[in-house]
């Protein structure tokens, strides 16, 4: 007899289970990679936000009219390094990020501001290498 009209053989069931298992493992691996990628994207977006926020602080300081503010006083010393767990904006603490602000004076009327935000990717077991987002702007005196 060529076939079994009563049902499937044990070999057929095992082959079917093996094929389904391979498919499910592939789907699970894809979901894990997608989750890690989404998390990394979120962290990079937050780092970019923190860099933009600091650039706005520097611009506000440059336009400020208090005695210690103004374009002439825009210097790295007025924007100290912020370590992990010290960046707070509107009551939100950004524990997983640190930030540096570097200001250089290429000319008497120009300042270059570079803000670096560093973070360690969460959920990536292979590496604990710190990642970085850097934004810069040029300020000129009016």
Protein backbone atom coordinates (compact mmCIF):
# COMPACT_ATOMS: atom_id res chain seq x y z
CA UNK A 1 0.00 0.00 0.00
CA UNK A 2 1.35 3.43 -0.96
CA UNK A 3 -0.39 5.70 1.57
CA UNK A 4 -1.97 5.41 4.97
CA UNK A 5 -5.65 6.37 4.64
CA UNK A 6 -6.07 6.33 8.42
CA UNK A 7 -3.81 9.34 9.18
CA UNK A 8 -0.24 10.57 9.34
CA UNK A 9 2.77 8.50 10.26
CA UNK A 10 5.07 9.39 13.15
CA UNK A 11 7.77 10.49 10.69
CA UNK A 12 5.38 12.92 8.98
CA UNK A 13 4.35 14.40 12.34
CA UNK A 14 7.98 14.85 13.42
CA UNK A 15 8.93 16.53 10.12
CA UNK A 16 5.93 18.87 10.43
CA UNK A 17 6.84 19.78 14.02
CA UNK A 18 10.45 20.43 12.95
CA UNK A 19 9.39 22.78 10.14
CA UNK A 20 6.98 24.67 12.38
CA UNK A 21 9.67 25.00 15.08
CA UNK A 22 12.14 26.51 12.60
CA UNK A 23 9.51 29.02 11.52
CA UNK A 24 8.64 30.01 15.08
CA UNK A 25 12.31 30.44 16.01
CA UNK A 26 12.79 32.71 13.00
CA UNK A 27 9.79 34.83 13.99
CA UNK A 28 10.96 35.06 17.62
CA UNK A 29 14.46 36.11 16.53
CA UNK A 30 13.00 38.77 14.26
CA UNK A 31 10.87 40.13 17.09
CA UNK A 32 13.89 40.33 19.39
CA UNK A 33 15.90 42.24 16.79
CA UNK A 34 12.97 44.59 16.17
CA UNK A 35 12.58 45.28 19.89
CA UNK A 36 16.30 46.08 20.27
CA UNK A 37 16.19 48.36 17.22
CA UNK A 38 13.16 50.23 18.53
CA UNK A 39 14.88 50.72 21.90
CA UNK A 40 18.06 52.01 20.25
CA UNK A 41 16.01 54.42 18.13
CA UNK A 42 14.25 55.71 21.22
CA UNK A 43 17.56 56.25 23.02
CA UNK A 44 19.05 58.09 20.04
CA UNK A 45 15.95 60.29 19.76
CA UNK A 46 16.22 61.15 23.47
CA UNK A 47 19.93 61.92 23.10
CA UNK A 48 19.16 64.22 20.16
CA UNK A 49 16.47 65.97 22.21
CA UNK A 50 18.92 66.50 25.08
CA UNK A 51 21.53 67.94 22.70
CA UNK A 52 18.98 70.30 21.11
CA UNK A 53 17.79 71.39 24.55
CA UNK A 54 21.34 72.32 25.61
CA UNK A 55 21.91 74.23 22.34
CA UNK A 56 18.77 76.24 23.11
CA UNK A 57 20.10 76.92 26.63
CA UNK A 58 23.32 78.30 25.15
CA UNK A 59 21.40 80.49 22.69
CA UNK A 60 19.21 81.81 25.50
CA UNK A 61 22.31 82.52 27.59
CA UNK A 62 23.91 84.39 24.66
CA UNK A 63 20.84 86.61 24.32
CA UNK A 64 20.41 87.07 28.09
CA UNK A 65 20.76 90.49 29.68
CA UNK A 66 21.78 89.53 33.21
CA UNK A 67 25.28 90.55 34.28
CA UNK A 68 26.77 87.08 33.83
CA UNK A 69 24.99 86.38 30.56
CA UNK A 70 25.36 87.68 27.03
CA UNK A 71 27.40 86.75 23.98
CA UNK A 72 30.73 87.76 25.55
CA UNK A 73 30.21 85.33 28.45
CA UNK A 74 29.33 82.29 26.33
CA UNK A 75 32.07 79.85 27.34
CA UNK A 76 32.40 76.17 28.15
CA UNK A 77 32.95 77.04 31.83
CA UNK A 78 29.35 78.31 32.05
CA UNK A 79 28.04 74.94 30.81
CA UNK A 80 29.72 72.26 32.95
CA UNK A 81 29.80 68.57 32.12
CA UNK A 82 26.64 66.75 33.21
CA UNK A 83 27.29 63.20 34.43
CA UNK A 84 24.95 60.22 34.27
CA UNK A 85 21.90 60.83 36.44
CA UNK A 86 22.33 64.61 36.67
CA UNK A 87 20.40 65.80 33.58
CA UNK A 88 16.96 67.01 34.66
CA UNK A 89 14.45 68.78 32.41
CA UNK A 90 11.00 69.80 33.67
CA UNK A 91 11.24 67.34 36.55
CA UNK A 92 12.29 64.40 34.38
CA UNK A 93 15.66 62.84 35.24
CA UNK A 94 17.55 61.34 32.30
CA UNK A 95 19.61 58.72 34.16
CA UNK A 96 21.06 56.93 31.16
CA UNK A 97 22.65 59.98 29.55
CA UNK A 98 25.58 62.32 30.10
CA UNK A 99 26.26 65.58 28.27
CA UNK A 100 29.21 67.83 27.45
CA UNK A 101 29.22 71.30 25.91
CA UNK A 102 32.30 72.66 24.13
CA UNK A 103 32.50 76.26 22.97
CA UNK A 104 35.29 77.61 20.77
CA UNK A 105 35.94 81.12 19.42
CA UNK A 106 37.15 81.03 15.81
CA UNK A 107 36.85 84.84 15.68
CA UNK A 108 35.93 87.74 17.95
CA UNK A 109 32.33 87.72 16.73
CA UNK A 110 31.78 83.98 16.25
CA UNK A 111 31.41 81.06 18.64
CA UNK A 112 31.04 77.39 17.72
CA UNK A 113 28.98 75.35 20.17
CA UNK A 114 29.19 71.54 20.14
CA UNK A 115 26.97 69.47 22.43
CA UNK A 116 27.76 65.78 22.85
CA UNK A 117 25.28 63.44 24.51
CA UNK A 118 26.50 59.97 25.46
CA UNK A 119 24.51 56.87 26.36
CA UNK A 120 25.02 53.12 26.71
CA UNK A 121 22.58 51.13 24.58
CA UNK A 122 20.14 49.14 26.69
CA UNK A 123 19.30 45.61 25.70
CA UNK A 124 22.44 44.99 23.67
CA UNK A 125 24.29 42.21 25.45
CA UNK A 126 27.14 41.99 22.95
CA UNK A 127 28.58 45.42 23.74
CA UNK A 128 28.51 48.04 26.45
CA UNK A 129 30.17 50.58 24.20
CA UNK A 130 28.97 54.10 24.85
CA UNK A 131 27.24 55.75 21.89
CA UNK A 132 27.21 59.45 21.10
CA UNK A 133 25.03 62.07 19.46
CA UNK A 134 26.74 65.37 18.60
CA UNK A 135 25.01 68.57 17.50
CA UNK A 136 26.64 71.89 16.76
CA UNK A 137 25.73 75.43 15.91
CA UNK A 138 27.50 78.68 15.16
CA UNK A 139 26.64 81.83 17.12
CA UNK A 140 27.51 85.26 15.80
CA UNK A 141 27.31 88.55 17.60
CA UNK A 142 24.68 90.99 16.40
